[in-house]
Amino acid sequence: MHFNQLDLNLLVALDALLDEKNITRAGNRINLSQSAMSGCLGRLREFFNDELLVQVGRKMVPTPLGESLAKPVQDCLVHIQSTIATKPTFDPTVSQRHFKIMISDYMSIVFMPEVMRRVHEEAPGLTFEIVSSADYPLEALERGEIDFRVLPDNFQAPSHSSEVLLEDVYTCIVWKDNREVGDTLSIEQYLEMRHVLLRFGRERAPSRDEIFLSRLGYHRRMDMIATWFGVLPHFVVGTSRIATIPLRLANIFLDHFPLRLIMPPIAIEPMVQTICWHSYYDQDPGKIWVRKFMKEVAQSLGPVSPRMM
């Protein structure tokens, strides 16, 4: 399709080029060879009468015009995609749609199994793909590469639509046979214990509890850093280490690991998990159904409390 003598397929190439800033990676992203991608860039330069991307040392950087085109081109492609993909009706009992969700390993453990159990019963034709923010950048929502982001509210995009799914409070886990601590912790003891901390994504972003405690001027003794919730018990069992984690997850870990729960000596602000989607898909019946369905599952989980051991 052409618009004002521009092949609109070239917009897909331009979006990839401006995002990757590398001809080979951009070509791989849209399944074009390096030579074909170079040809696309040549045609784009001719149309816009601008270099768009220039070589500076070993890197390619956008020209001022290229920089100014990045967001409008991205929005245009997502708008086209949402217009084409949106169907007037959606029947979950027969639909074969596929949904891609960026979600934390925490929600993959405490939430998604129940979602998928109920989907299996109510919408057996739907398929889901789980991706992490470590595999996909947070900008993947902007580019329309994912349908939803289910992450803590501090990671969500204020420019797009979102809803709260569930909240969780924090507890501490220690090895069941750890005799260095009793049933309670003083603030001094808590800070001096050997902590397993979490850092997320390529930027190694600190966890919500670490951000909260840092704001209060508290700094825990770091013994090691992990990158996802699921490994924390393995680094606590058999040691004197401690980890501060959401209570819903801790309750699940109790079924599989010899752990004890101890409430932290500081009331850490709750973790709030939200679902976020591109505003262009506000009226997509399929995505409306998935959002509503996930909200109902979250509400059915109810408030969280420490599990009796």
C-alpha atoms as a PDB file:
ATOM      1  CA  MET A   1       0.000   0.000   0.000  1.00  0.00           C
ATOM      2  CA  HIS A   2       1.245   3.483  -0.885  1.00  0.00           C
ATOM      3  CA  PHE A   3       0.385   6.841   0.641  1.00  0.00           C
ATOM      4  CA  ASN A   4       1.679   9.999  -1.002  1.00  0.00           C
ATOM      5  CA  GLN A   5       4.194   7.838  -2.917  1.00  0.00           C
ATOM      6  CA  LEU A   6       5.449   6.168   0.304  1.00  0.00           C
ATOM      7  CA  ASP A   7       5.206   2.392   0.528  1.00  0.00           C
ATOM      8  CA  LEU A   8       3.638   1.964   3.969  1.00  0.00           C
ATOM      9  CA  ASN A   9       5.603  -1.257   4.454  1.00  0.00           C
ATOM     10  CA  LEU A  10       8.628   1.011   4.760  1.00  0.00           C
ATOM     11  CA  LEU A  11       7.164   2.417   7.989  1.00  0.00           C
ATOM     12  CA  VAL A  12       7.667  -0.994   9.575  1.00  0.00           C
ATOM     13  CA  ALA A  13      11.309  -0.901   8.481  1.00  0.00           C
ATOM     14  CA  LEU A  14      11.703   2.688   9.701  1.00  0.00           C
ATOM     15  CA  ASP A  15      10.273   1.810  13.112  1.00  0.00           C
ATOM     16  CA  ALA A  16      12.719  -1.084  13.480  1.00  0.00           C
ATOM     17  CA  LEU A  17      15.671   0.995  12.281  1.00  0.00           C
ATOM     18  CA  LEU A  18      14.973   3.913  14.621  1.00  0.00           C
ATOM     19  CA  ASP A  19      14.486   1.581  17.556  1.00  0.00           C
ATOM     20  CA  GLU A  20      17.413  -0.795  16.965  1.00  0.00           C
ATOM     21  CA  LYS A  21      19.784   1.793  15.438  1.00  0.00           C
ATOM     22  CA  ASN A  22      21.427  -1.111  13.672  1.00  0.00           C
ATOM     23  CA  ILE A  23      20.681  -2.387  10.171  1.00  0.00           C
ATOM     24  CA  THR A  24      21.369  -6.062  10.913  1.00  0.00           C
ATOM     25  CA  ARG A  25      19.301  -6.186  14.123  1.00  0.00           C
ATOM     26  CA  ALA A  26      16.486  -4.222  12.504  1.00  0.00           C
ATOM     27  CA  GLY A  27      16.447  -6.671   9.602  1.00  0.00           C
ATOM     28  CA  ASN A  28      16.373  -9.661  11.940  1.00  0.00           C
ATOM     29  CA  ARG A  29      13.447  -8.132  13.793  1.00  0.00           C
ATOM     30  CA  ILE A  30      11.253  -7.915  10.689  1.00  0.00           C
ATOM     31  CA  ASN A  31      12.754 -10.941   8.877  1.00  0.00           C
ATOM     32  CA  LEU A  32      14.697  -9.083   6.203  1.00  0.00           C
ATOM     33  CA  SER A  33      18.280  -9.627   5.133  1.00  0.00           C
ATOM     34  CA  GLN A  34      20.894  -6.980   5.806  1.00  0.00           C
ATOM     35  CA  SER A  35      21.003  -6.023   2.121  1.00  0.00           C
ATOM     36  CA  ALA A  36      17.217  -5.748   1.934  1.00  0.00           C
ATOM     37  CA  MET A  37      17.187  -3.594   5.064  1.00  0.00           C
ATOM     38  CA  SER A  38      19.896  -1.368   3.616  1.00  0.00           C
ATOM     39  CA  GLY A  39      17.704  -0.987   0.550  1.00  0.00           C
ATOM     40  CA  CYS A  40      14.758   0.057   2.727  1.00  0.00           C
ATOM     41  CA  LEU A  41      16.896   2.659   4.468  1.00  0.00           C
ATOM     42  CA  GLY A  42      18.005   4.004   1.083  1.00  0.00           C
ATOM     43  CA  ARG A  43      14.413   4.391  -0.089  1.00  0.00           C
ATOM     44  CA  LEU A  44      13.429   6.059   3.182  1.00  0.00           C
ATOM     45  CA  ARG A  45      16.329   8.506   2.906  1.00  0.00           C
ATOM     46  CA  GLU A  46      15.252   9.363  -0.614  1.00  0.00           C
ATOM     47  CA  PHE A  47      11.616   9.911   0.380  1.00  0.00           C
ATOM     48  CA  PHE A  48      12.379  12.068   3.425  1.00  0.00           C
ATOM     49  CA  ASN A  49      15.399  13.754   1.790  1.00  0.00           C
ATOM     50  CA  ASP A  50      17.307  13.120   5.004  1.00  0.00           C
ATOM     51  CA  GLU A  51      19.890  10.580   6.190  1.00  0.00           C
ATOM     52  CA  LEU A  52      17.602   9.541   9.101  1.00  0.00           C
ATOM     53  CA  LEU A  53      20.432   7.450  10.624  1.00  0.00           C
ATOM     54  CA  VAL A  54      24.128   8.282  10.381  1.00  0.00           C
ATOM     55  CA  GLN A  55      27.234   6.380  11.388  1.00  0.00           C
ATOM     56  CA  VAL A  56      29.086   7.891  14.351  1.00  0.00           C
ATOM     57  CA  GLY A  57      32.050   5.739  15.276  1.00  0.00           C
ATOM     58  CA  ARG A  58      30.721   2.205  15.664  1.00  0.00           C
ATOM     59  CA  LYS A  59      27.158   3.322  16.285  1.00  0.00           C
ATOM     60  CA  MET A  60      24.304   4.635  14.187  1.00  0.00           C
ATOM     61  CA  VAL A  61      22.479   7.615  15.622  1.00  0.00           C
ATOM     62  CA  PRO A  62      19.285   9.254  14.360  1.00  0.00           C
ATOM     63  CA  THR A  63      19.341  12.666  12.761  1.00  0.00           C
ATOM     64  CA  PRO A  64      17.044  15.314  14.267  1.00  0.00           C
ATOM     65  CA  LEU A  65      14.393  14.370  11.708  1.00  0.00           C
ATOM     66  CA  GLY A  66      14.850  10.673  12.430  1.00  0.00           C
ATOM     67  CA  GLU A  67      14.512  11.330  16.153  1.00  0.00           C
ATOM     68  CA  SER A  68      11.322  13.324  15.586  1.00  0.00           C
ATOM     69  CA  LEU A  69       9.791  10.530  13.484  1.00  0.00           C
ATOM     70  CA  ALA A  70      10.316   7.694  15.987  1.00  0.00           C
ATOM     71  CA  LYS A  71       7.270   8.210  18.224  1.00  0.00           C
ATOM     72  CA  PRO A  72       4.769   9.210  15.455  1.00  0.00           C
ATOM     73  CA  VAL A  73       5.762   6.214  13.323  1.00  0.00           C
ATOM     74  CA  GLN A  74       5.453   3.887  16.304  1.00  0.00           C
ATOM     75  CA  ASP A  75       2.016   5.290  17.185  1.00  0.00           C
ATOM     76  CA  CYS A  76       0.892   5.033  13.565  1.00  0.00           C
ATOM     77  CA  LEU A  77       1.818   1.354  13.323  1.00  0.00           C
ATOM     78  CA  VAL A  78       0.140   0.472  16.628  1.00  0.00           C
ATOM     79  CA  HIS A  79      -2.973   2.365  15.555  1.00  0.00           C
ATOM     80  CA  ILE A  80      -3.096   0.480  12.248  1.00  0.00           C
ATOM     81  CA  GLN A  81      -2.532  -2.821  14.047  1.00  0.00           C
ATOM     82  CA  SER A  82      -5.271  -2.129  16.592  1.00  0.00           C
ATOM     83  CA  THR A  83      -7.702  -1.136  13.838  1.00  0.00           C
ATOM     84  CA  ILE A  84      -7.053  -4.285  11.824  1.00  0.00           C
ATOM     85  CA  ALA A  85      -6.907  -6.692  14.781  1.00  0.00           C
ATOM     86  CA  THR A  86     -10.007  -5.458  16.583  1.00  0.00           C
ATOM     87  CA  LYS A  87     -13.080  -7.512  15.764  1.00  0.00           C
ATOM     88  CA  PRO A  88     -16.616  -6.225  16.443  1.00  0.00           C
ATOM     89  CA  THR A  89     -17.453  -9.167  18.690  1.00  0.00           C
ATOM     90  CA  PHE A  90     -15.608 -11.698  20.828  1.00  0.00           C
ATOM     91  CA  ASP A  91     -16.834 -15.119  21.915  1.00  0.00           C
ATOM     92  CA  PRO A  92     -14.336 -16.647  24.380  1.00  0.00           C
ATOM     93  CA  THR A  93     -15.840 -20.121  24.011  1.00  0.00           C
ATOM     94  CA  VAL A  94     -14.776 -20.387  20.344  1.00  0.00           C
ATOM     95  CA  SER A  95     -12.074 -17.731  19.880  1.00  0.00           C
ATOM     96  CA  GLN A  96      -8.570 -18.858  18.862  1.00  0.00           C
ATOM     97  CA  ARG A  97      -6.835 -15.591  19.730  1.00  0.00           C
ATOM     98  CA  HIS A  98      -3.313 -15.449  21.122  1.00  0.00           C
ATOM     99  CA  PHE A  99      -2.342 -12.975  23.855  1.00  0.00           C
ATOM    100  CA  LYS A 100       1.183 -11.999  24.847  1.00  0.00           C
ATOM    101  CA  ILE A 101       1.639 -10.800  28.433  1.00  0.00           C
ATOM    102  CA  MET A 102       4.706  -9.291  30.072  1.00  0.00           C
ATOM    103  CA  ILE A 103       4.530 -10.441  33.672  1.00  0.00           C
ATOM    104  CA  SER A 104       6.797 -10.813  36.688  1.00  0.00           C
ATOM    105  CA  ASP A 105       7.799 -14.245  37.944  1.00  0.00           C
ATOM    106  CA  TYR A 106       5.952 -13.345  41.168  1.00  0.00           C
ATOM    107  CA  MET A 107       2.613 -13.076  39.322  1.00  0.00           C
ATOM    108  CA  SER A 108       3.522 -16.092  37.189  1.00  0.00           C
ATOM    109  CA  ILE A 109       3.590 -18.117  40.408  1.00  0.00           C
ATOM    110  CA  VAL A 110       0.818 -16.637  42.567  1.00  0.00           C
ATOM    111  CA  PHE A 111      -1.702 -15.569  39.903  1.00  0.00           C
ATOM    112  CA  MET A 112      -1.348 -16.988  36.410  1.00  0.00           C
ATOM    113  CA  PRO A 113      -1.820 -20.688  37.309  1.00  0.00           C
ATOM    114  CA  GLU A 114      -5.350 -19.919  38.524  1.00  0.00           C
ATOM    115  CA  VAL A 115      -5.997 -17.741  35.458  1.00  0.00           C
ATOM    116  CA  MET A 116      -4.922 -20.546  33.138  1.00  0.00           C
ATOM    117  CA  ARG A 117      -6.924 -23.158  35.027  1.00  0.00           C
ATOM    118  CA  ARG A 118     -10.097 -21.131  34.553  1.00  0.00           C
ATOM    119  CA  VAL A 119      -9.252 -20.221  30.948  1.00  0.00           C
ATOM    120  CA  HIS A 120      -8.927 -23.935  30.233  1.00  0.00           C
ATOM    121  CA  GLU A 121     -12.541 -24.337  31.352  1.00  0.00           C
ATOM    122  CA  GLU A 122     -14.147 -21.184  29.965  1.00  0.00           C
ATOM    123  CA  ALA A 123     -12.096 -20.271  26.876  1.00  0.00           C
ATOM    124  CA  PRO A 124     -10.192 -23.385  25.771  1.00  0.00           C
ATOM    125  CA  GLY A 125      -9.234 -21.958  22.369  1.00  0.00           C
ATOM    126  CA  LEU A 126      -7.319 -18.997  23.752  1.00  0.00           C
ATOM    127  CA  THR A 127      -3.533 -19.233  23.980  1.00  0.00           C
ATOM    128  CA  PHE A 128      -1.176 -17.148  26.077  1.00  0.00           C
ATOM    129  CA  GLU A 129       2.513 -16.329  25.886  1.00  0.00           C
ATOM    130  CA  ILE A 130       4.354 -15.118  28.976  1.00  0.00           C
ATOM    131  CA  VAL A 131       7.381 -12.846  28.513  1.00  0.00           C
ATOM    132  CA  SER A 132       9.523 -11.096  31.102  1.00  0.00           C
ATOM    133  CA  SER A 133      10.748  -7.522  31.162  1.00  0.00           C
ATOM    134  CA  ALA A 134      14.274  -8.977  31.037  1.00  0.00           C
ATOM    135  CA  ASP A 135      13.475 -10.440  27.590  1.00  0.00           C
ATOM    136  CA  TYR A 136      11.358  -7.546  26.338  1.00  0.00           C
ATOM    137  CA  PRO A 137      11.998  -3.879  27.156  1.00  0.00           C
ATOM    138  CA  LEU A 138       9.232  -1.979  28.902  1.00  0.00           C
ATOM    139  CA  GLU A 139       8.719  -0.060  25.648  1.00  0.00           C
ATOM    140  CA  ALA A 140       7.342  -3.256  24.057  1.00  0.00           C
ATOM    141  CA  LEU A 141       3.836  -2.095  24.991  1.00  0.00           C
ATOM    142  CA  GLU A 142       4.349   1.160  23.110  1.00  0.00           C
ATOM    143  CA  ARG A 143       5.368  -0.751  19.991  1.00  0.00           C
ATOM    144  CA  GLY A 144       2.421  -3.133  20.156  1.00  0.00           C
ATOM    145  CA  GLU A 145       4.688  -6.173  20.646  1.00  0.00           C
ATOM    146  CA  ILE A 146       2.743  -7.301  23.724  1.00  0.00           C
ATOM    147  CA  ASP A 147      -0.914  -7.083  24.684  1.00  0.00           C
ATOM    148  CA  PHE A 148      -0.591  -6.457  28.432  1.00  0.00           C
ATOM    149  CA  ARG A 149       1.937  -5.671  31.109  1.00  0.00           C
ATOM    150  CA  VAL A 150       1.231  -7.131  34.557  1.00  0.00           C
ATOM    151  CA  LEU A 151       3.811  -5.537  36.833  1.00  0.00           C
ATOM    152  CA  PRO A 152       4.016  -3.471  40.029  1.00  0.00           C
ATOM    153  CA  ASP A 153       2.420  -0.070  39.607  1.00  0.00           C
ATOM    154  CA  ASN A 154       5.773   1.751  39.743  1.00  0.00           C
ATOM    155  CA  PHE A 155       6.787   0.026  36.468  1.00  0.00           C
ATOM    156  CA  GLN A 156       3.641   0.896  34.536  1.00  0.00           C
ATOM    157  CA  ALA A 157       3.182   3.570  31.874  1.00  0.00           C
ATOM    158  CA  PRO A 158       1.033   6.513  33.050  1.00  0.00           C
ATOM    159  CA  SER A 159       0.299   7.406  29.421  1.00  0.00           C
ATOM    160  CA  HIS A 160      -1.693   4.191  28.933  1.00  0.00           C
ATOM    161  CA  SER A 161      -4.707   2.539  30.501  1.00  0.00           C
ATOM    162  CA  SER A 162      -4.318   0.386  33.608  1.00  0.00           C
ATOM    163  CA  GLU A 163      -6.236  -1.247  36.447  1.00  0.00           C
ATOM    164  CA  VAL A 164      -5.208  -2.626  39.821  1.00  0.00           C
ATOM    165  CA  LEU A 165      -5.319  -6.427  39.974  1.00  0.00           C
ATOM    166  CA  LEU A 166      -4.231  -7.284  43.509  1.00  0.00           C
ATOM    167  CA  GLU A 167      -2.202  -6.143  46.483  1.00  0.00           C
ATOM    168  CA  ASP A 168       0.234  -8.014  48.687  1.00  0.00           C
ATOM    169  CA  VAL A 169       2.067  -7.288  51.920  1.00  0.00           C
ATOM    170  CA  TYR A 170       5.638  -8.212  52.779  1.00  0.00           C
ATOM    171  CA  THR A 171       7.002 -10.869  55.089  1.00  0.00           C
ATOM    172  CA  CYS A 172      10.436 -12.377  55.696  1.00  0.00           C
ATOM    173  CA  ILE A 173      11.509 -15.954  55.074  1.00  0.00           C
ATOM    174  CA  VAL A 174      14.270 -17.766  56.953  1.00  0.00           C
ATOM    175  CA  TRP A 175      15.353 -21.410  57.052  1.00  0.00           C
ATOM    176  CA  LYS A 176      13.150 -23.393  59.422  1.00  0.00           C
ATOM    177  CA  ASP A 177      16.217 -24.567  61.399  1.00  0.00           C
ATOM    178  CA  ASN A 178      17.809 -21.123  61.642  1.00  0.00           C
ATOM    179  CA  ARG A 179      18.331 -20.715  65.406  1.00  0.00           C
ATOM    180  CA  GLU A 180      19.864 -17.240  65.148  1.00  0.00           C
ATOM    181  CA  VAL A 181      16.401 -15.661  65.036  1.00  0.00           C
ATOM    182  CA  GLY A 182      13.237 -16.205  67.002  1.00  0.00           C
ATOM    183  CA  ASP A 183       9.669 -15.330  66.107  1.00  0.00           C
ATOM    184  CA  THR A 184      10.303 -11.579  65.912  1.00  0.00           C
ATOM    185  CA  LEU A 185      13.052  -9.269  64.669  1.00  0.00           C
ATOM    186  CA  SER A 186      14.319  -5.949  65.952  1.00  0.00           C
ATOM    187  CA  ILE A 187      15.165  -3.334  63.362  1.00  0.00           C
ATOM    188  CA  GLU A 188      18.861  -3.620  64.243  1.00  0.00           C
ATOM    189  CA  GLN A 189      18.842  -7.401  63.874  1.00  0.00           C
ATOM    190  CA  TYR A 190      16.917  -7.216  60.631  1.00  0.00           C
ATOM    191  CA  LEU A 191      19.359  -4.763  59.048  1.00  0.00           C
ATOM    192  CA  GLU A 192      22.428  -6.748  60.154  1.00  0.00           C
ATOM    193  CA  MET A 193      21.254 -10.151  58.894  1.00  0.00           C
ATOM    194  CA  ARG A 194      22.582 -11.516  55.606  1.00  0.00           C
ATOM    195  CA  HIS A 195      19.963 -10.521  53.018  1.00  0.00           C
ATOM    196  CA  VAL A 196      19.208 -11.984  49.613  1.00  0.00           C
ATOM    197  CA  LEU A 197      18.111  -8.952  47.594  1.00  0.00           C
ATOM    198  CA  LEU A 198      16.350  -8.766  44.244  1.00  0.00           C
ATOM    199  CA  ARG A 199      17.299  -6.693  41.220  1.00  0.00           C
ATOM    200  CA  PHE A 200      15.291  -6.767  38.006  1.00  0.00           C
ATOM    201  CA  GLY A 201      15.911  -6.457  34.277  1.00  0.00           C
ATOM    202  CA  ARG A 202      18.890  -5.191  32.344  1.00  0.00           C
ATOM    203  CA  GLU A 203      19.054  -2.082  34.486  1.00  0.00           C
ATOM    204  CA  ARG A 204      19.085  -4.147  37.703  1.00  0.00           C
ATOM    205  CA  ALA A 205      16.232  -2.101  39.140  1.00  0.00           C
ATOM    206  CA  PRO A 206      15.840  -2.539  42.912  1.00  0.00           C
ATOM    207  CA  SER A 207      12.779  -4.244  44.364  1.00  0.00           C
ATOM    208  CA  ARG A 208       9.897  -2.248  45.788  1.00  0.00           C
ATOM    209  CA  ASP A 209      10.796  -3.065  49.387  1.00  0.00           C
ATOM    210  CA  GLU A 210      14.385  -1.923  48.854  1.00  0.00           C
ATOM    211  CA  ILE A 211      13.194   1.374  47.376  1.00  0.00           C
ATOM    212  CA  PHE A 212      10.835   1.907  50.298  1.00  0.00           C
ATOM    213  CA  LEU A 213      13.460   1.155  52.955  1.00  0.00           C
ATOM    214  CA  SER A 214      16.047   3.338  51.202  1.00  0.00           C
ATOM    215  CA  ARG A 215      13.649   6.268  51.284  1.00  0.00           C
ATOM    216  CA  LEU A 216      13.463   5.832  55.070  1.00  0.00           C
ATOM    217  CA  GLY A 217      17.253   5.739  55.321  1.00  0.00           C
ATOM    218  CA  TYR A 218      17.509   1.992  56.065  1.00  0.00           C
ATOM    219  CA  HIS A 219      20.121  -0.114  54.280  1.00  0.00           C
ATOM    220  CA  ARG A 220      20.236  -3.883  54.705  1.00  0.00           C
ATOM    221  CA  ARG A 221      23.377  -5.988  54.698  1.00  0.00           C
ATOM    222  CA  MET A 222      23.576  -7.538  51.236  1.00  0.00           C
ATOM    223  CA  ASP A 223      24.895 -11.098  51.082  1.00  0.00           C
ATOM    224  CA  MET A 224      23.826 -11.842  47.516  1.00  0.00           C
ATOM    225  CA  ILE A 225      21.629 -10.513  44.718  1.00  0.00           C
ATOM    226  CA  ALA A 226      19.116 -12.630  42.786  1.00  0.00           C
ATOM    227  CA  THR A 227      17.150 -11.724  39.667  1.00  0.00           C
ATOM    228  CA  TRP A 228      13.848 -13.491  40.217  1.00  0.00           C
ATOM    229  CA  PHE A 229      11.608 -14.467  43.117  1.00  0.00           C
ATOM    230  CA  GLY A 230      11.487 -18.178  42.387  1.00  0.00           C
ATOM    231  CA  VAL A 231      15.114 -18.825  43.387  1.00  0.00           C
ATOM    232  CA  LEU A 232      15.013 -17.060  46.758  1.00  0.00           C
ATOM    233  CA  PRO A 233      14.194 -20.123  48.922  1.00  0.00           C
ATOM    234  CA  HIS A 234      17.182 -21.987  47.470  1.00  0.00           C
ATOM    235  CA  PHE A 235      19.515 -19.286  48.780  1.00  0.00           C
ATOM    236  CA  VAL A 236      17.869 -19.168  52.212  1.00  0.00           C
ATOM    237  CA  VAL A 237      17.435 -22.850  53.135  1.00  0.00           C
ATOM    238  CA  GLY A 238      20.433 -24.249  54.987  1.00  0.00           C
ATOM    239  CA  THR A 239      21.846 -20.790  55.761  1.00  0.00           C
ATOM    240  CA  SER A 240      21.403 -17.860  58.118  1.00  0.00           C
ATOM    241  CA  ARG A 241      20.232 -15.659  55.238  1.00  0.00           C
ATOM    242  CA  ILE A 242      16.917 -13.826  55.114  1.00  0.00           C
ATOM    243  CA  ALA A 243      14.775 -12.602  52.245  1.00  0.00           C
ATOM    244  CA  THR A 244      11.913 -10.124  52.255  1.00  0.00           C
ATOM    245  CA  ILE A 245       9.171 -11.195  49.865  1.00  0.00           C
ATOM    246  CA  PRO A 246       5.415 -10.785  49.228  1.00  0.00           C
ATOM    247  CA  LEU A 247       3.277 -12.858  51.569  1.00  0.00           C
ATOM    248  CA  ARG A 248       1.202 -14.613  48.881  1.00  0.00           C
ATOM    249  CA  LEU A 249       4.415 -16.008  47.440  1.00  0.00           C
ATOM    250  CA  ALA A 250       5.808 -16.931  50.851  1.00  0.00           C
ATOM    251  CA  ASN A 251       2.668 -18.944  51.619  1.00  0.00           C
ATOM    252  CA  ILE A 252       3.239 -20.974  48.448  1.00  0.00           C
ATOM    253  CA  PHE A 253       6.918 -21.524  49.260  1.00  0.00           C
ATOM    254  CA  LEU A 254       5.938 -23.050  52.617  1.00  0.00           C
ATOM    255  CA  ASP A 255       4.486 -26.028  50.732  1.00  0.00           C
ATOM    256  CA  HIS A 256       7.809 -26.792  49.080  1.00  0.00           C
ATOM    257  CA  PHE A 257      10.633 -25.578  51.320  1.00  0.00           C
ATOM    258  CA  PRO A 258      11.541 -25.826  55.040  1.00  0.00           C
ATOM    259  CA  LEU A 259      10.953 -22.163  55.835  1.00  0.00           C
ATOM    260  CA  ARG A 260       9.602 -19.970  58.600  1.00  0.00           C
ATOM    261  CA  LEU A 261       7.822 -16.649  58.187  1.00  0.00           C
ATOM    262  CA  ILE A 262       8.741 -13.658  60.324  1.00  0.00           C
ATOM    263  CA  MET A 263       7.089 -10.282  59.988  1.00  0.00           C
ATOM    264  CA  PRO A 264       9.561  -7.488  59.169  1.00  0.00           C
ATOM    265  CA  PRO A 265      10.123  -4.947  61.975  1.00  0.00           C
ATOM    266  CA  ILE A 266       9.082  -2.140  59.613  1.00  0.00           C
ATOM    267  CA  ALA A 267       5.681  -1.949  57.951  1.00  0.00           C
ATOM    268  CA  ILE A 268       6.678  -1.927  54.275  1.00  0.00           C
ATOM    269  CA  GLU A 269       4.169  -0.374  51.908  1.00  0.00           C
ATOM    270  CA  PRO A 270       2.176  -3.040  50.023  1.00  0.00           C
ATOM    271  CA  MET A 271       3.039  -4.249  46.554  1.00  0.00           C
ATOM    272  CA  VAL A 272       0.345  -3.218  44.058  1.00  0.00           C
ATOM    273  CA  GLN A 273       0.144  -5.285  40.875  1.00  0.00           C
ATOM    274  CA  THR A 274      -1.572  -3.650  37.910  1.00  0.00           C
ATOM    275  CA  ILE A 275      -2.496  -4.664  34.383  1.00  0.00           C
ATOM    276  CA  CYS A 276      -1.637  -2.103  31.705  1.00  0.00           C
ATOM    277  CA  TRP A 277      -2.495  -2.008  28.005  1.00  0.00           C
ATOM    278  CA  HIS A 278      -2.031   0.374  25.083  1.00  0.00           C
ATOM    279  CA  SER A 279      -4.783   2.976  25.023  1.00  0.00           C
ATOM    280  CA  TYR A 280      -5.449   2.192  21.353  1.00  0.00           C
ATOM    281  CA  TYR A 281      -6.911  -1.143  22.497  1.00  0.00           C
ATOM    282  CA  ASP A 282      -9.415   0.304  24.974  1.00  0.00           C
ATOM    283  CA  GLN A 283     -12.325  -0.877  22.823  1.00  0.00           C
ATOM    284  CA  ASP A 284     -10.950  -4.241  21.662  1.00  0.00           C
ATOM    285  CA  PRO A 285     -13.643  -6.761  22.783  1.00  0.00           C
ATOM    286  CA  GLY A 286     -11.133  -9.592  23.186  1.00  0.00           C
ATOM    287  CA  LYS A 287      -8.781  -7.588  25.347  1.00  0.00           C
ATOM    288  CA  ILE A 288     -11.685  -6.195  27.337  1.00  0.00           C
ATOM    289  CA  TRP A 289     -12.757  -9.782  28.093  1.00  0.00           C
ATOM    290  CA  VAL A 290      -9.227 -10.821  29.148  1.00  0.00           C
ATOM    291  CA  ARG A 291      -8.884  -7.797  31.425  1.00  0.00           C
ATOM    292  CA  LYS A 292     -12.247  -8.425  33.051  1.00  0.00           C
ATOM    293  CA  PHE A 293     -11.494 -12.128  33.410  1.00  0.00           C
ATOM    294  CA  MET A 294      -8.148 -11.492  35.084  1.00  0.00           C
ATOM    295  CA  LYS A 295      -9.720  -8.918  37.381  1.00  0.00           C
ATOM    296  CA  GLU A 296     -12.353 -11.457  38.476  1.00  0.00           C
ATOM    297  CA  VAL A 297      -9.680 -14.062  39.183  1.00  0.00           C
ATOM    298  CA  ALA A 298      -7.690 -11.546  41.230  1.00  0.00           C
ATOM    299  CA  GLN A 299     -10.762 -10.607  43.270  1.00  0.00           C
ATOM    300  CA  SER A 300     -11.522 -14.277  43.933  1.00  0.00           C
ATOM    301  CA  LEU A 301      -8.137 -14.698  45.626  1.00  0.00           C
ATOM    302  CA  GLY A 302      -9.301 -12.412  48.425  1.00  0.00           C
ATOM    303  CA  PRO A 303      -7.136 -10.686  51.040  1.00  0.00           C
ATOM    304  CA  VAL A 304      -3.875 -12.328  52.034  1.00  0.00           C
ATOM    305  CA  SER A 305      -2.935 -13.533  55.544  1.00  0.00           C
ATOM    306  CA  PRO A 306      -0.062 -15.647  56.898  1.00  0.00           C
ATOM    307  CA  ARG A 307      -0.678 -19.345  56.426  1.00  0.00           C
ATOM    308  CA  MET A 308      -0.829 -21.441  59.568  1.00  0.00           C
ATOM    309  CA  MET A 309       2.190 -23.737  59.795  1.00  0.00           C
END
